[in-house]
Structures are given as C-alpha cells and as structure tokens.
All heavy atoms as atom14 arrays in JSON, in Angstrom:
{
  "sequence": "VLAAWRESPAFDARERAALGWAEALTRLEATGAPQRDYDALAAQF",
  "atom14_mask": [
    [1, 1, 1, 1, 1, 1, 1, 0, 0, 0, 0, 0, 0, 0],
    [1, 1, 1, 1, 1, 1, 1, 1, 0, 0, 0, 0, 0, 0],
    [1, 1, 1, 1, 1, 0, 0, 0, 0, 0, 0, 0, 0, 0],
    [1, 1, 1, 1, 1, 0, 0, 0, 0, 0, 0, 0, 0, 0],
    [1, 1, 1, 1, 1, 1, 1, 1, 1, 1, 1, 1, 1, 1],
    [1, 1, 1, 1, 1, 1, 1, 1, 1, 1, 1, 0, 0, 0],
    [1, 1, 1, 1, 1, 1, 1, 1, 1, 0, 0, 0, 0, 0],
    [1, 1, 1, 1, 1, 1, 0, 0, 0, 0, 0, 0, 0, 0],
    [1, 1, 1, 1, 1, 1, 1, 0, 0, 0, 0, 0, 0, 0],
    [1, 1, 1, 1, 1, 0, 0, 0, 0, 0, 0, 0, 0, 0],
    [1, 1, 1, 1, 1, 1, 1, 1, 1, 1, 1, 0, 0, 0],
    [1, 1, 1, 1, 1, 1, 1, 1, 0, 0, 0, 0, 0, 0],
    [1, 1, 1, 1, 1, 0, 0, 0, 0, 0, 0, 0, 0, 0],
    [1, 1, 1, 1, 1, 1, 1, 1, 1, 1, 1, 0, 0, 0],
    [1, 1, 1, 1, 1, 1, 1, 1, 1, 0, 0, 0, 0, 0],
    [1, 1, 1, 1, 1, 1, 1, 1, 1, 1, 1, 0, 0, 0],
    [1, 1, 1, 1, 1, 0, 0, 0, 0, 0, 0, 0, 0, 0],
    [1, 1, 1, 1, 1, 0, 0, 0, 0, 0, 0, 0, 0, 0],
    [1, 1, 1, 1, 1, 1, 1, 1, 0, 0, 0, 0, 0, 0],
    [1, 1, 1, 1, 0, 0, 0, 0, 0, 0, 0, 0, 0, 0],
    [1, 1, 1, 1, 1, 1, 1, 1, 1, 1, 1, 1, 1, 1],
    [1, 1, 1, 1, 1, 0, 0, 0, 0, 0, 0, 0, 0, 0],
    [1, 1, 1, 1, 1, 1, 1, 1, 1, 0, 0, 0, 0, 0],
    [1, 1, 1, 1, 1, 0, 0, 0, 0, 0, 0, 0, 0, 0],
    [1, 1, 1, 1, 1, 1, 1, 1, 0, 0, 0, 0, 0, 0],
    [1, 1, 1, 1, 1, 1, 1, 0, 0, 0, 0, 0, 0, 0],
    [1, 1, 1, 1, 1, 1, 1, 1, 1, 1, 1, 0, 0, 0],
    [1, 1, 1, 1, 1, 1, 1, 1, 0, 0, 0, 0, 0, 0],
    [1, 1, 1, 1, 1, 1, 1, 1, 1, 0, 0, 0, 0, 0],
    [1, 1, 1, 1, 1, 0, 0, 0, 0, 0, 0, 0, 0, 0],
    [1, 1, 1, 1, 1, 1, 1, 0, 0, 0, 0, 0, 0, 0],
    [1, 1, 1, 1, 0, 0, 0, 0, 0, 0, 0, 0, 0, 0],
    [1, 1, 1, 1, 1, 0, 0, 0, 0, 0, 0, 0, 0, 0],
    [1, 1, 1, 1, 1, 1, 1, 0, 0, 0, 0, 0, 0, 0],
    [1, 1, 1, 1, 1, 1, 1, 1, 1, 0, 0, 0, 0, 0],
    [1, 1, 1, 1, 1, 1, 1, 1, 1, 1, 1, 0, 0, 0],
    [1, 1, 1, 1, 1, 1, 1, 1, 0, 0, 0, 0, 0, 0],
    [1, 1, 1, 1, 1, 1, 1, 1, 1, 1, 1, 1, 0, 0],
    [1, 1, 1, 1, 1, 1, 1, 1, 0, 0, 0, 0, 0, 0],
    [1, 1, 1, 1, 1, 0, 0, 0, 0, 0, 0, 0, 0, 0],
    [1, 1, 1, 1, 1, 1, 1, 1, 0, 0, 0, 0, 0, 0],
    [1, 1, 1, 1, 1, 0, 0, 0, 0, 0, 0, 0, 0, 0],
    [1, 1, 1, 1, 1, 0, 0, 0, 0, 0, 0, 0, 0, 0],
    [1, 1, 1, 1, 1, 1, 1, 1, 1, 0, 0, 0, 0, 0],
    [1, 1, 1, 1, 1, 1, 1, 1, 1, 1, 1, 0, 0, 0]
  ],
  "atom14_positions": [
    [[0.81, -1.23, 0.0], [0.0, 0.0, 0.0], [0.84, 1.27, 0.0], [0.3, 2.37, 0.16], [-1.0, 0.01, 1.18], [-1.97, -1.16, 1.09], [-0.29, 0.03, 2.52], [0.0, 0.0, 0.0], [0.0, 0.0, 0.0], [0.0, 0.0, 0.0], [0.0, 0.0, 0.0], [0.0, 0.0, 0.0], [0.0, 0.0, 0.0], [0.0, 0.0, 0.0]],
    [[2.14, 1.15, -0.21], [3.04, 2.29, -0.1], [2.66, 3.45, -1.02], [2.74, 4.61, -0.61], [4.48, 1.84, -0.37], [5.57, 2.9, -0.23], [5.56, 3.53, 1.17], [6.93, 2.28, -0.52], [0.0, 0.0, 0.0], [0.0, 0.0, 0.0], [0.0, 0.0, 0.0], [0.0, 0.0, 0.0], [0.0, 0.0, 0.0], [0.0, 0.0, 0.0]],
    [[2.24, 3.16, -2.23], [1.87, 4.24, -3.16], [0.69, 5.06, -2.64], [0.52, 6.21, -3.02], [1.56, 3.67, -4.54], [0.0, 0.0, 0.0], [0.0, 0.0, 0.0], [0.0, 0.0, 0.0], [0.0, 0.0, 0.0], [0.0, 0.0, 0.0], [0.0, 0.0, 0.0], [0.0, 0.0, 0.0], [0.0, 0.0, 0.0], [0.0, 0.0, 0.0]],
    [[-0.1, 4.48, -1.75], [-1.26, 5.16, -1.18], [-1.11, 5.3, 0.33], [-2.08, 5.2, 1.08], [-2.53, 4.39, -1.52], [0.0, 0.0, 0.0], [0.0, 0.0, 0.0], [0.0, 0.0, 0.0], [0.0, 0.0, 0.0], [0.0, 0.0, 0.0], [0.0, 0.0, 0.0], [0.0, 0.0, 0.0], [0.0, 0.0, 0.0], [0.0, 0.0, 0.0]],
    [[0.1, 5.59, 0.79], [0.38, 5.64, 2.23], [-0.48, 6.65, 2.97], [-0.81, 6.44, 4.14], [1.87, 5.91, 2.48], [2.35, 7.25, 2.0], [2.88, 7.53, 0.79], [2.37, 8.47, 2.74], [3.22, 8.87, 0.71], [2.91, 9.46, 1.9], [1.98, 8.83, 4.03], [3.08, 10.79, 2.31], [2.14, 10.14, 4.45], [2.69, 11.1, 3.58]],
    [[-0.88, 7.73, 2.34], [-1.69, 8.75, 3.02], [-3.06, 8.21, 3.41], [-3.66, 8.66, 4.38], [-1.87, 9.98, 2.14], [-0.59, 10.77, 1.93], [-0.83, 11.99, 1.01], [0.39, 12.54, 0.51], [1.16, 13.41, 1.18], [0.81, 13.82, 2.37], [2.28, 13.86, 0.65], [0.0, 0.0, 0.0], [0.0, 0.0, 0.0], [0.0, 0.0, 0.0]],
    [[-3.57, 7.25, 2.66], [-4.89, 6.68, 2.92], [-4.84, 5.42, 3.78], [-5.87, 4.86, 4.12], [-5.6, 6.35, 1.61], [-6.03, 7.56, 0.8], [-4.88, 8.24, 0.05], [-3.95, 7.53, -0.38], [-4.9, 9.47, -0.07], [0.0, 0.0, 0.0], [0.0, 0.0, 0.0], [0.0, 0.0, 0.0], [0.0, 0.0, 0.0], [0.0, 0.0, 0.0]],
    [[-3.64, 4.94, 4.1], [-3.5, 3.68, 4.82], [-3.19, 3.89, 6.3], [-2.35, 4.7, 6.65], [-2.36, 2.86, 4.19], [-2.11, 1.71, 4.95], [0.0, 0.0, 0.0], [0.0, 0.0, 0.0], [0.0, 0.0, 0.0], [0.0, 0.0, 0.0], [0.0, 0.0, 0.0], [0.0, 0.0, 0.0], [0.0, 0.0, 0.0], [0.0, 0.0, 0.0]],
    [[-3.84, 3.1, 7.17], [-3.52, 3.17, 8.6], [-2.25, 2.39, 8.95], [-1.86, 2.35, 10.12], [-4.75, 2.54, 9.27], [-5.25, 1.56, 8.26], [-4.97, 2.2, 6.91], [0.0, 0.0, 0.0], [0.0, 0.0, 0.0], [0.0, 0.0, 0.0], [0.0, 0.0, 0.0], [0.0, 0.0, 0.0], [0.0, 0.0, 0.0], [0.0, 0.0, 0.0]],
    [[-1.59, 1.79, 7.97], [-0.42, 0.93, 8.23], [0.83, 1.7, 8.64], [1.78, 1.11, 9.15], [-0.12, 0.08, 7.0], [0.0, 0.0, 0.0], [0.0, 0.0, 0.0], [0.0, 0.0, 0.0], [0.0, 0.0, 0.0], [0.0, 0.0, 0.0], [0.0, 0.0, 0.0], [0.0, 0.0, 0.0], [0.0, 0.0, 0.0], [0.0, 0.0, 0.0]],
    [[0.85, 3.02, 8.44], [2.06, 3.81, 8.67], [1.92, 4.67, 9.91], [0.9, 5.32, 10.11], [2.35, 4.69, 7.44], [2.54, 3.87, 6.2], [1.47, 3.57, 5.38], [3.79, 3.35, 5.87], [1.64, 2.78, 4.25], [3.97, 2.56, 4.75], [2.88, 2.27, 3.94], [0.0, 0.0, 0.0], [0.0, 0.0, 0.0], [0.0, 0.0, 0.0]],
    [[2.98, 4.7, 10.72], [2.95, 5.51, 11.93], [3.35, 6.96, 11.6], [3.7, 7.28, 10.45], [3.84, 4.91, 13.03], [5.33, 4.86, 12.69], [5.82, 5.7, 11.91], [6.02, 3.97, 13.24], [0.0, 0.0, 0.0], [0.0, 0.0, 0.0], [0.0, 0.0, 0.0], [0.0, 0.0, 0.0], [0.0, 0.0, 0.0], [0.0, 0.0, 0.0]],
    [[3.29, 7.81, 12.62], [3.53, 9.25, 12.41], [4.94, 9.52, 11.89], [5.16, 10.39, 11.04], [3.29, 10.02, 13.7], [0.0, 0.0, 0.0], [0.0, 0.0, 0.0], [0.0, 0.0, 0.0], [0.0, 0.0, 0.0], [0.0, 0.0, 0.0], [0.0, 0.0, 0.0], [0.0, 0.0, 0.0], [0.0, 0.0, 0.0], [0.0, 0.0, 0.0]],
    [[5.91, 8.78, 12.37], [7.3, 8.97, 11.93], [7.47, 8.58, 10.46], [8.1, 9.29, 9.68], [8.2, 8.13, 12.84], [9.63, 8.53, 12.84], [10.29, 7.88, 14.07], [11.69, 7.62, 13.85], [12.65, 8.5, 14.08], [12.36, 9.69, 14.57], [13.9, 8.2, 13.85], [0.0, 0.0, 0.0], [0.0, 0.0, 0.0], [0.0, 0.0, 0.0]],
    [[6.89, 7.45, 10.08], [6.94, 7.03, 8.68], [6.21, 8.02, 7.79], [6.7, 8.37, 6.71], [6.32, 5.63, 8.53], [7.13, 4.54, 9.19], [6.38, 3.24, 9.36], [5.13, 3.26, 9.48], [7.05, 2.2, 9.39], [0.0, 0.0, 0.0], [0.0, 0.0, 0.0], [0.0, 0.0, 0.0], [0.0, 0.0, 0.0], [0.0, 0.0, 0.0]],
    [[5.07, 8.52, 8.23], [4.31, 9.5, 7.45], [5.11, 10.78, 7.23], [5.12, 11.34, 6.14], [2.98, 9.82, 8.14], [1.99, 8.69, 8.1], [0.71, 9.01, 8.88], [-0.21, 7.91, 8.73], [-0.91, 7.64, 7.63], [-0.84, 8.43, 6.59], [-1.7, 6.6, 7.58], [0.0, 0.0, 0.0], [0.0, 0.0, 0.0], [0.0, 0.0, 0.0]],
    [[5.78, 11.23, 8.29], [6.59, 12.45, 8.16], [7.73, 12.22, 7.18], [8.01, 13.08, 6.33], [7.13, 12.86, 9.53], [0.0, 0.0, 0.0], [0.0, 0.0, 0.0], [0.0, 0.0, 0.0], [0.0, 0.0, 0.0], [0.0, 0.0, 0.0], [0.0, 0.0, 0.0], [0.0, 0.0, 0.0], [0.0, 0.0, 0.0], [0.0, 0.0, 0.0]],
    [[8.38, 11.07, 7.25], [9.49, 10.76, 6.35], [9.01, 10.63, 4.91], [9.64, 11.14, 3.97], [10.2, 9.48, 6.79], [0.0, 0.0, 0.0], [0.0, 0.0, 0.0], [0.0, 0.0, 0.0], [0.0, 0.0, 0.0], [0.0, 0.0, 0.0], [0.0, 0.0, 0.0], [0.0, 0.0, 0.0], [0.0, 0.0, 0.0], [0.0, 0.0, 0.0]],
    [[7.89, 9.97, 4.71], [7.36, 9.8, 3.36], [6.89, 11.12, 2.78], [7.1, 11.4, 1.59], [6.23, 8.76, 3.36], [6.68, 7.33, 3.66], [5.47, 6.44, 3.93], [7.53, 6.78, 2.51], [0.0, 0.0, 0.0], [0.0, 0.0, 0.0], [0.0, 0.0, 0.0], [0.0, 0.0, 0.0], [0.0, 0.0, 0.0], [0.0, 0.0, 0.0]],
    [[6.27, 11.96, 3.6], [5.85, 13.28, 3.13], [7.04, 14.12, 2.71], [7.01, 14.8, 1.67], [0.0, 0.0, 0.0], [0.0, 0.0, 0.0], [0.0, 0.0, 0.0], [0.0, 0.0, 0.0], [0.0, 0.0, 0.0], [0.0, 0.0, 0.0], [0.0, 0.0, 0.0], [0.0, 0.0, 0.0], [0.0, 0.0, 0.0], [0.0, 0.0, 0.0]],
    [[8.12, 14.09, 3.5], [9.33, 14.84, 3.17], [9.98, 14.28, 1.91], [10.43, 15.02, 1.04], [10.27, 14.81, 4.36], [11.47, 15.7, 4.24], [12.78, 15.31, 4.27], [11.48, 17.13, 4.09], [13.6, 16.42, 4.15], [12.83, 17.54, 4.04], [10.48, 18.09, 4.01], [13.2, 18.87, 3.9], [10.85, 19.42, 3.88], [12.19, 19.8, 3.82]],
    [[9.99, 12.95, 1.79], [10.56, 12.31, 0.59], [9.8, 12.74, -0.66], [10.41, 13.07, -1.69], [10.53, 10.79, 0.74], [0.0, 0.0, 0.0], [0.0, 0.0, 0.0], [0.0, 0.0, 0.0], [0.0, 0.0, 0.0], [0.0, 0.0, 0.0], [0.0, 0.0, 0.0], [0.0, 0.0, 0.0], [0.0, 0.0, 0.0], [0.0, 0.0, 0.0]],
    [[8.49, 12.76, -0.58], [7.69, 13.19, -1.73], [7.93, 14.66, -2.04], [8.06, 15.04, -3.2], [6.21, 12.92, -1.49], [5.86, 11.47, -1.55], [4.35, 11.19, -1.49], [3.55, 12.16, -1.46], [4.0, 10.01, -1.48], [0.0, 0.0, 0.0], [0.0, 0.0, 0.0], [0.0, 0.0, 0.0], [0.0, 0.0, 0.0], [0.0, 0.0, 0.0]],
    [[7.97, 15.49, -1.01], [8.17, 16.93, -1.21], [9.51, 17.21, -1.9], [9.57, 18.03, -2.82], [8.09, 17.67, 0.11], [0.0, 0.0, 0.0], [0.0, 0.0, 0.0], [0.0, 0.0, 0.0], [0.0, 0.0, 0.0], [0.0, 0.0, 0.0], [0.0, 0.0, 0.0], [0.0, 0.0, 0.0], [0.0, 0.0, 0.0], [0.0, 0.0, 0.0]],
    [[10.57, 16.52, -1.47], [11.88, 16.77, -2.08], [12.01, 16.13, -3.45], [12.7, 16.66, -4.31], [12.99, 16.26, -1.15], [13.13, 17.0, 0.17], [14.32, 16.46, 0.96], [13.26, 18.5, -0.03], [0.0, 0.0, 0.0], [0.0, 0.0, 0.0], [0.0, 0.0, 0.0], [0.0, 0.0, 0.0], [0.0, 0.0, 0.0], [0.0, 0.0, 0.0]],
    [[11.36, 15.0, -3.66], [11.42, 14.33, -4.97], [10.66, 15.13, -6.01], [11.06, 15.2, -7.17], [10.88, 12.9, -4.84], [11.7, 12.2, -3.9], [10.91, 12.18, -6.18], [0.0, 0.0, 0.0], [0.0, 0.0, 0.0], [0.0, 0.0, 0.0], [0.0, 0.0, 0.0], [0.0, 0.0, 0.0], [0.0, 0.0, 0.0], [0.0, 0.0, 0.0]],
    [[9.57, 15.76, -5.6], [8.75, 16.57, -6.52], [8.99, 18.06, -6.25], [8.06, 18.87, -6.25], [7.28, 16.23, -6.31], [6.95, 14.81, -6.67], [5.5, 14.51, -6.41], [5.12, 13.25, -7.02], [4.28, 12.39, -6.48], [3.7, 12.66, -5.32], [3.98, 11.27, -7.1], [0.0, 0.0, 0.0], [0.0, 0.0, 0.0], [0.0, 0.0, 0.0]],
    [[10.23, 18.41, -6.04], [10.61, 19.75, -5.61], [10.06, 20.85, -6.52], [9.62, 21.9, -6.05], [12.14, 19.84, -5.52], [12.73, 21.0, -4.74], [12.19, 21.07, -3.33], [14.24, 20.88, -4.73], [0.0, 0.0, 0.0], [0.0, 0.0, 0.0], [0.0, 0.0, 0.0], [0.0, 0.0, 0.0], [0.0, 0.0, 0.0], [0.0, 0.0, 0.0]],
    [[10.06, 20.6, -7.83], [9.58, 21.63, -8.76], [8.1, 21.94, -8.54], [7.65, 23.06, -8.77], [9.83, 21.21, -10.21], [8.81, 20.29, -10.85], [8.7, 18.88, -10.25], [9.62, 18.43, -9.56], [7.67, 18.23, -10.49], [0.0, 0.0, 0.0], [0.0, 0.0, 0.0], [0.0, 0.0, 0.0], [0.0, 0.0, 0.0], [0.0, 0.0, 0.0]],
    [[7.34, 20.96, -8.06], [5.91, 21.15, -7.84], [5.58, 21.57, -6.42], [4.59, 22.27, -6.19], [5.16, 19.86, -8.17], [0.0, 0.0, 0.0], [0.0, 0.0, 0.0], [0.0, 0.0, 0.0], [0.0, 0.0, 0.0], [0.0, 0.0, 0.0], [0.0, 0.0, 0.0], [0.0, 0.0, 0.0], [0.0, 0.0, 0.0], [0.0, 0.0, 0.0]],
    [[6.4, 21.16, -5.46], [6.05, 21.39, -4.06], [6.79, 22.56, -3.41], [6.25, 23.2, -2.51], [6.36, 20.15, -3.2], [7.78, 19.98, -3.09], [5.71, 18.9, -3.76], [0.0, 0.0, 0.0], [0.0, 0.0, 0.0], [0.0, 0.0, 0.0], [0.0, 0.0, 0.0], [0.0, 0.0, 0.0], [0.0, 0.0, 0.0], [0.0, 0.0, 0.0]],
    [[8.03, 22.8, -3.81], [8.84, 23.82, -3.15], [9.17, 23.46, -1.71], [9.52, 24.34, -0.93], [0.0, 0.0, 0.0], [0.0, 0.0, 0.0], [0.0, 0.0, 0.0], [0.0, 0.0, 0.0], [0.0, 0.0, 0.0], [0.0, 0.0, 0.0], [0.0, 0.0, 0.0], [0.0, 0.0, 0.0], [0.0, 0.0, 0.0], [0.0, 0.0, 0.0]],
    [[9.06, 22.18, -1.35], [9.31, 21.72, 0.02], [8.48, 22.53, 1.02], [9.0, 23.34, 1.78], [10.79, 21.76, 0.37], [0.0, 0.0, 0.0], [0.0, 0.0, 0.0], [0.0, 0.0, 0.0], [0.0, 0.0, 0.0], [0.0, 0.0, 0.0], [0.0, 0.0, 0.0], [0.0, 0.0, 0.0], [0.0, 0.0, 0.0], [0.0, 0.0, 0.0]],
    [[7.16, 22.32, 1.04], [6.27, 23.15, 1.85], [6.54, 23.07, 3.35], [7.0, 22.06, 3.87], [4.88, 22.63, 1.52], [5.06, 21.31, 0.9], [6.45, 21.26, 0.35], [0.0, 0.0, 0.0], [0.0, 0.0, 0.0], [0.0, 0.0, 0.0], [0.0, 0.0, 0.0], [0.0, 0.0, 0.0], [0.0, 0.0, 0.0], [0.0, 0.0, 0.0]],
    [[6.22, 24.14, 4.02], [6.42, 24.25, 5.46], [5.68, 23.16, 6.22], [6.2, 22.62, 7.19], [5.99, 25.64, 5.96], [6.41, 25.93, 7.38], [7.92, 25.98, 7.55], [8.63, 26.55, 6.73], [8.42, 25.38, 8.64], [0.0, 0.0, 0.0], [0.0, 0.0, 0.0], [0.0, 0.0, 0.0], [0.0, 0.0, 0.0], [0.0, 0.0, 0.0]],
    [[4.48, 22.79, 5.79], [3.72, 21.76, 6.51], [4.46, 20.43, 6.51], [4.44, 19.71, 7.51], [2.3, 21.62, 5.95], [2.23, 20.96, 4.6], [0.78, 20.82, 4.06], [0.81, 20.28, 2.73], [1.07, 20.97, 1.62], [1.32, 22.27, 1.7], [1.07, 20.38, 0.44], [0.0, 0.0, 0.0], [0.0, 0.0, 0.0], [0.0, 0.0, 0.0]],
    [[5.12, 20.11, 5.41], [5.89, 18.86, 5.36], [7.13, 18.94, 6.24], [7.49, 17.98, 6.92], [6.29, 18.52, 3.92], [5.1, 18.1, 3.07], [4.15, 17.49, 3.62], [5.1, 18.38, 1.86], [0.0, 0.0, 0.0], [0.0, 0.0, 0.0], [0.0, 0.0, 0.0], [0.0, 0.0, 0.0], [0.0, 0.0, 0.0], [0.0, 0.0, 0.0]],
    [[7.77, 20.11, 6.25], [8.93, 20.29, 7.12], [8.52, 20.26, 8.59], [9.19, 19.65, 9.42], [9.68, 21.58, 6.8], [10.92, 21.7, 7.64], [12.07, 20.98, 7.32], [10.93, 22.47, 8.8], [13.21, 21.05, 8.11], [12.06, 22.54, 9.6], [13.2, 21.83, 9.26], [14.3, 21.88, 10.05], [0.0, 0.0, 0.0], [0.0, 0.0, 0.0]],
    [[7.4, 20.88, 8.91], [6.92, 20.89, 10.3], [6.6, 19.47, 10.77], [6.92, 19.1, 11.91], [5.69, 21.79, 10.45], [6.02, 23.27, 10.31], [7.21, 23.64, 10.38], [5.06, 24.05, 10.11], [0.0, 0.0, 0.0], [0.0, 0.0, 0.0], [0.0, 0.0, 0.0], [0.0, 0.0, 0.0], [0.0, 0.0, 0.0], [0.0, 0.0, 0.0]],
    [[5.98, 18.68, 9.92], [5.69, 17.28, 10.26], [6.98, 16.51, 10.48], [7.1, 15.71, 11.41], [4.85, 16.63, 9.16], [0.0, 0.0, 0.0], [0.0, 0.0, 0.0], [0.0, 0.0, 0.0], [0.0, 0.0, 0.0], [0.0, 0.0, 0.0], [0.0, 0.0, 0.0], [0.0, 0.0, 0.0], [0.0, 0.0, 0.0], [0.0, 0.0, 0.0]],
    [[7.97, 16.77, 9.63], [9.29, 16.14, 9.77], [9.94, 16.55, 11.09], [10.42, 15.69, 11.85], [10.17, 16.55, 8.59], [11.56, 15.92, 8.55], [11.48, 14.47, 8.12], [12.45, 16.71, 7.6], [0.0, 0.0, 0.0], [0.0, 0.0, 0.0], [0.0, 0.0, 0.0], [0.0, 0.0, 0.0], [0.0, 0.0, 0.0], [0.0, 0.0, 0.0]],
    [[9.94, 17.84, 11.38], [10.58, 18.36, 12.59], [9.9, 17.84, 13.86], [10.56, 17.7, 14.9], [10.58, 19.88, 12.57], [0.0, 0.0, 0.0], [0.0, 0.0, 0.0], [0.0, 0.0, 0.0], [0.0, 0.0, 0.0], [0.0, 0.0, 0.0], [0.0, 0.0, 0.0], [0.0, 0.0, 0.0], [0.0, 0.0, 0.0], [0.0, 0.0, 0.0]],
    [[8.61, 17.54, 13.79], [7.9, 17.01, 14.95], [8.31, 15.58, 15.27], [8.14, 15.12, 16.41], [6.39, 17.08, 14.71], [0.0, 0.0, 0.0], [0.0, 0.0, 0.0], [0.0, 0.0, 0.0], [0.0, 0.0, 0.0], [0.0, 0.0, 0.0], [0.0, 0.0, 0.0], [0.0, 0.0, 0.0], [0.0, 0.0, 0.0], [0.0, 0.0, 0.0]],
    [[8.86, 14.87, 14.3], [9.19, 13.46, 14.48], [10.68, 13.16, 14.52], [11.08, 12.1, 15.0], [8.54, 12.63, 13.35], [7.03, 12.65, 13.35], [6.46, 12.02, 14.6], [6.96, 11.03, 15.11], [5.38, 12.6, 15.13], [0.0, 0.0, 0.0], [0.0, 0.0, 0.0], [0.0, 0.0, 0.0], [0.0, 0.0, 0.0], [0.0, 0.0, 0.0]],
    [[11.49, 14.05, 13.98], [12.92, 13.79, 13.81], [13.74, 14.95, 14.36], [13.4, 16.12, 14.16], [13.27, 13.61, 12.33], [12.67, 12.39, 11.71], [11.41, 12.44, 11.12], [13.35, 11.18, 11.72], [10.85, 11.31, 10.54], [12.8, 10.04, 11.14], [11.54, 10.1, 10.56], [0.0, 0.0, 0.0], [0.0, 0.0, 0.0], [0.0, 0.0, 0.0]]
  ]
}
C-alpha cells in the first residue's frame, strides 16, 4: 500500500513524516518543500 500511504492506517507518524518529506523533495519543482511537510518532519525527527 506504499503508493497510497496517506490513505493507509499501516504507517505511523514517523513514517508518514518521512514519506511526506521524501515526496516533497522528490517533486521539488511542484512542491517547493512546503512548510507543513517540514513541520511534520521536525515534529518526528
């Protein structure tokens, strides 16, 4: 279910923060690494 991690209860908060940051940086041209993703990352790491 990794491709749909946002909709799955299988991932904990730390994994969600890491996956959100990974997506934000991988799609940098579209996301600009948004503050909400960084804040979620900073709350867990």
